[in-house]
Amino acid sequence: MSDDVDLLIESAATARRDRAPGGRAVPPPAWWDLPPDDRLRAFDAQVATRELEKALDPRGFSGTVRAVAARLRRLAR
């Protein structure tokens, strides 16, 4: 396994997502640089990361849940 692929997987596994002009979340650039088999590894890393985030949060929320809740609060104003 190359260090470059591992770095791309790590980058793709973060909860942060850029937004398209219409507000839709878009995959990180690293996602598109990965071959299909490594995209599956990145997905598995995303799932594992969300589980760790939930375990560390007092309410059991992942970074994704916190981001979605914050976005909904902003839109409700």
N, C-alpha and C. Protein backbone atom coordinates (compact mmCIF):
# COMPACT_ATOMS: atom_id res chain seq x y z
N MET A 1 0.86 -1.18 0.00
CA MET A 1 0.00 0.00 0.00
C MET A 1 0.90 1.24 0.00
N SER A 2 0.62 2.13 -0.87
CA SER A 2 1.46 3.32 -0.94
C SER A 2 1.01 4.36 0.06
N ASP A 3 1.94 5.15 0.51
CA ASP A 3 1.62 6.24 1.43
C ASP A 3 0.69 7.25 0.78
N ASP A 4 0.83 7.45 -0.54
CA ASP A 4 -0.03 8.40 -1.24
C ASP A 4 -1.49 7.97 -1.19
N VAL A 5 -1.74 6.70 -1.41
CA VAL A 5 -3.11 6.19 -1.36
C VAL A 5 -3.66 6.30 0.06
N ASP A 6 -2.85 5.97 1.05
CA ASP A 6 -3.28 6.08 2.44
C ASP A 6 -3.64 7.52 2.79
N LEU A 7 -2.87 8.47 2.30
CA LEU A 7 -3.18 9.89 2.55
C LEU A 7 -4.48 10.31 1.86
N LEU A 8 -4.70 9.82 0.65
CA LEU A 8 -5.95 10.12 -0.05
C LEU A 8 -7.15 9.53 0.70
N ILE A 9 -7.00 8.32 1.19
CA ILE A 9 -8.08 7.69 1.94
C ILE A 9 -8.36 8.48 3.21
N GLU A 10 -7.33 8.87 3.91
CA GLU A 10 -7.50 9.67 5.12
C GLU A 10 -8.19 10.99 4.82
N SER A 11 -7.81 11.62 3.74
CA SER A 11 -8.41 12.89 3.35
C SER A 11 -9.88 12.72 2.97
N ALA A 12 -10.20 11.63 2.30
CA ALA A 12 -11.58 11.38 1.88
C ALA A 12 -12.48 10.97 3.05
N ALA A 13 -11.88 10.53 4.15
CA ALA A 13 -12.66 10.01 5.28
C ALA A 13 -13.15 11.11 6.23
N THR A 14 -12.72 12.33 6.05
CA THR A 14 -13.13 13.39 6.97
C THR A 14 -14.61 13.70 6.81
N ALA A 15 -15.19 14.28 7.84
CA ALA A 15 -16.62 14.63 7.80
C ALA A 15 -16.86 15.94 7.04
N ARG A 16 -15.83 16.74 6.86
CA ARG A 16 -16.00 18.03 6.19
C ARG A 16 -16.27 17.83 4.71
N ARG A 17 -17.25 18.53 4.21
CA ARG A 17 -17.60 18.46 2.79
C ARG A 17 -17.78 19.86 2.24
N ASP A 18 -17.22 20.09 1.06
CA ASP A 18 -17.48 21.33 0.34
C ASP A 18 -18.91 21.29 -0.18
N ARG A 19 -19.41 22.45 -0.57
CA ARG A 19 -20.78 22.54 -1.08
C ARG A 19 -20.76 23.06 -2.51
N ALA A 20 -21.64 22.48 -3.32
CA ALA A 20 -21.86 23.00 -4.68
C ALA A 20 -22.65 24.30 -4.55
N PRO A 21 -22.68 25.12 -5.59
CA PRO A 21 -23.42 26.39 -5.51
C PRO A 21 -24.88 26.24 -5.03
N GLY A 22 -25.52 25.14 -5.35
CA GLY A 22 -26.90 24.93 -4.92
C GLY A 22 -27.02 24.43 -3.48
N GLY A 23 -25.89 24.17 -2.82
CA GLY A 23 -25.90 23.73 -1.44
C GLY A 23 -25.67 22.24 -1.24
N ARG A 24 -25.62 21.48 -2.33
CA ARG A 24 -25.41 20.04 -2.23
C ARG A 24 -23.98 19.74 -1.79
N ALA A 25 -23.83 18.80 -0.86
CA ALA A 25 -22.49 18.37 -0.44
C ALA A 25 -21.83 17.61 -1.60
N VAL A 26 -20.56 17.87 -1.80
CA VAL A 26 -19.82 17.19 -2.87
C VAL A 26 -18.67 16.39 -2.25
N PRO A 27 -18.33 15.27 -2.88
CA PRO A 27 -17.23 14.46 -2.36
C PRO A 27 -15.92 15.27 -2.35
N PRO A 28 -15.03 14.95 -1.43
CA PRO A 28 -13.74 15.65 -1.41
C PRO A 28 -12.93 15.31 -2.66
N PRO A 29 -12.06 16.20 -3.09
CA PRO A 29 -11.25 15.94 -4.28
C PRO A 29 -10.48 14.62 -4.20
N ALA A 30 -10.03 14.25 -3.00
CA ALA A 30 -9.27 13.00 -2.85
C ALA A 30 -10.09 11.80 -3.29
N TRP A 31 -11.41 11.87 -3.13
CA TRP A 31 -12.27 10.75 -3.51
C TRP A 31 -12.09 10.41 -4.99
N TRP A 32 -12.04 11.44 -5.83
CA TRP A 32 -11.94 11.22 -7.27
C TRP A 32 -10.56 10.74 -7.70
N ASP A 33 -9.56 10.94 -6.85
CA ASP A 33 -8.21 10.50 -7.16
C ASP A 33 -7.97 9.03 -6.80
N LEU A 34 -8.92 8.42 -6.10
CA LEU A 34 -8.76 7.03 -5.68
C LEU A 34 -9.30 6.05 -6.74
N PRO A 35 -8.61 4.92 -6.93
CA PRO A 35 -9.17 3.88 -7.79
C PRO A 35 -10.40 3.28 -7.10
N PRO A 36 -11.30 2.65 -7.86
CA PRO A 36 -12.55 2.13 -7.28
C PRO A 36 -12.36 1.24 -6.04
N ASP A 37 -11.39 0.34 -6.04
CA ASP A 37 -11.20 -0.54 -4.87
C ASP A 37 -10.81 0.27 -3.63
N ASP A 38 -10.02 1.30 -3.84
CA ASP A 38 -9.61 2.13 -2.71
C ASP A 38 -10.74 3.06 -2.25
N ARG A 39 -11.69 3.35 -3.12
CA ARG A 39 -12.87 4.12 -2.70
C ARG A 39 -13.67 3.32 -1.68
N LEU A 40 -13.72 2.02 -1.86
CA LEU A 40 -14.40 1.18 -0.87
C LEU A 40 -13.66 1.23 0.47
N ARG A 41 -12.35 1.22 0.43
CA ARG A 41 -11.56 1.36 1.67
C ARG A 41 -11.81 2.72 2.31
N ALA A 42 -11.94 3.76 1.49
CA ALA A 42 -12.22 5.10 2.02
C ALA A 42 -13.60 5.13 2.67
N PHE A 43 -14.58 4.49 2.04
CA PHE A 43 -15.91 4.42 2.63
C PHE A 43 -15.86 3.72 3.99
N ASP A 44 -15.16 2.59 4.05
CA ASP A 44 -15.03 1.87 5.31
C ASP A 44 -14.35 2.74 6.38
N ALA A 45 -13.36 3.53 5.97
CA ALA A 45 -12.69 4.44 6.90
C ALA A 45 -13.65 5.52 7.37
N GLN A 46 -14.52 6.01 6.46
CA GLN A 46 -15.52 7.01 6.85
C GLN A 46 -16.46 6.45 7.91
N VAL A 47 -16.93 5.24 7.71
CA VAL A 47 -17.84 4.61 8.67
C VAL A 47 -17.15 4.44 10.02
N ALA A 48 -15.91 3.96 10.01
CA ALA A 48 -15.17 3.77 11.26
C ALA A 48 -14.94 5.11 11.97
N THR A 49 -14.63 6.14 11.20
CA THR A 49 -14.40 7.47 11.78
C THR A 49 -15.67 8.01 12.42
N ARG A 50 -16.81 7.85 11.74
CA ARG A 50 -18.08 8.31 12.32
C ARG A 50 -18.38 7.58 13.63
N GLU A 51 -18.07 6.29 13.70
CA GLU A 51 -18.28 5.52 14.93
C GLU A 51 -17.40 6.05 16.07
N LEU A 52 -16.15 6.38 15.76
CA LEU A 52 -15.27 6.96 16.78
C LEU A 52 -15.78 8.31 17.25
N GLU A 53 -16.23 9.14 16.31
CA GLU A 53 -16.77 10.46 16.68
C GLU A 53 -17.97 10.30 17.60
N LYS A 54 -18.85 9.35 17.28
CA LYS A 54 -20.04 9.12 18.11
C LYS A 54 -19.65 8.66 19.51
N ALA A 55 -18.62 7.83 19.60
CA ALA A 55 -18.17 7.33 20.90
C ALA A 55 -17.59 8.45 21.76
N LEU A 56 -17.00 9.45 21.14
CA LEU A 56 -16.39 10.55 21.88
C LEU A 56 -17.36 11.67 22.23
N ASP A 57 -18.49 11.75 21.54
CA ASP A 57 -19.45 12.83 21.76
C ASP A 57 -20.37 12.46 22.93
N PRO A 58 -20.59 13.40 23.87
CA PRO A 58 -21.45 13.09 25.02
C PRO A 58 -22.88 12.70 24.62
N ARG A 59 -23.37 13.23 23.50
CA ARG A 59 -24.71 12.89 23.04
C ARG A 59 -24.72 11.77 22.01
N GLY A 60 -23.56 11.27 21.67
CA GLY A 60 -23.46 10.18 20.70
C GLY A 60 -23.61 10.63 19.27
N PHE A 61 -23.31 11.91 19.00
CA PHE A 61 -23.43 12.46 17.65
C PHE A 61 -22.10 12.35 16.91
N SER A 62 -22.19 12.04 15.64
CA SER A 62 -21.00 12.06 14.78
C SER A 62 -20.80 13.47 14.25
N GLY A 63 -19.68 13.70 13.61
CA GLY A 63 -19.43 14.99 12.98
C GLY A 63 -20.47 15.30 11.91
N THR A 64 -20.93 14.27 11.23
CA THR A 64 -21.95 14.44 10.21
C THR A 64 -23.26 14.92 10.83
N VAL A 65 -23.66 14.29 11.92
CA VAL A 65 -24.90 14.70 12.60
C VAL A 65 -24.80 16.14 13.08
N ARG A 66 -23.67 16.50 13.66
CA ARG A 66 -23.49 17.89 14.14
C ARG A 66 -23.53 18.87 12.98
N ALA A 67 -22.91 18.52 11.85
CA ALA A 67 -22.90 19.41 10.69
C ALA A 67 -24.30 19.58 10.11
N VAL A 68 -25.05 18.49 10.01
CA VAL A 68 -26.41 18.57 9.47
C VAL A 68 -27.30 19.39 10.41
N ALA A 69 -27.18 19.16 11.72
CA ALA A 69 -27.98 19.92 12.68
C ALA A 69 -27.66 21.41 12.61
N ALA A 70 -26.38 21.75 12.49
CA ALA A 70 -26.00 23.16 12.39
C ALA A 70 -26.55 23.78 11.11
N ARG A 71 -26.52 23.03 10.03
CA ARG A 71 -27.06 23.55 8.76
C ARG A 71 -28.56 23.76 8.86
N LEU A 72 -29.27 22.84 9.48
CA LEU A 72 -30.72 22.99 9.65
C LEU A 72 -31.05 24.19 10.53
N ARG A 73 -30.25 24.41 11.57
CA ARG A 73 -30.47 25.59 12.43
C ARG A 73 -30.28 26.87 11.63
N ARG A 74 -29.25 26.90 10.78
CA ARG A 74 -29.01 28.11 9.95
C ARG A 74 -30.17 28.33 8.98
N LEU A 75 -30.65 27.26 8.37
CA LEU A 75 -31.74 27.39 7.40
C LEU A 75 -33.06 27.77 8.06
N ALA A 76 -33.22 27.42 9.33
CA ALA A 76 -34.49 27.72 10.02
C ALA A 76 -34.58 29.18 10.45
N ARG A 77 -33.50 29.90 10.40
CA ARG A 77 -33.52 31.31 10.83
C ARG A 77 -34.22 32.18 9.84
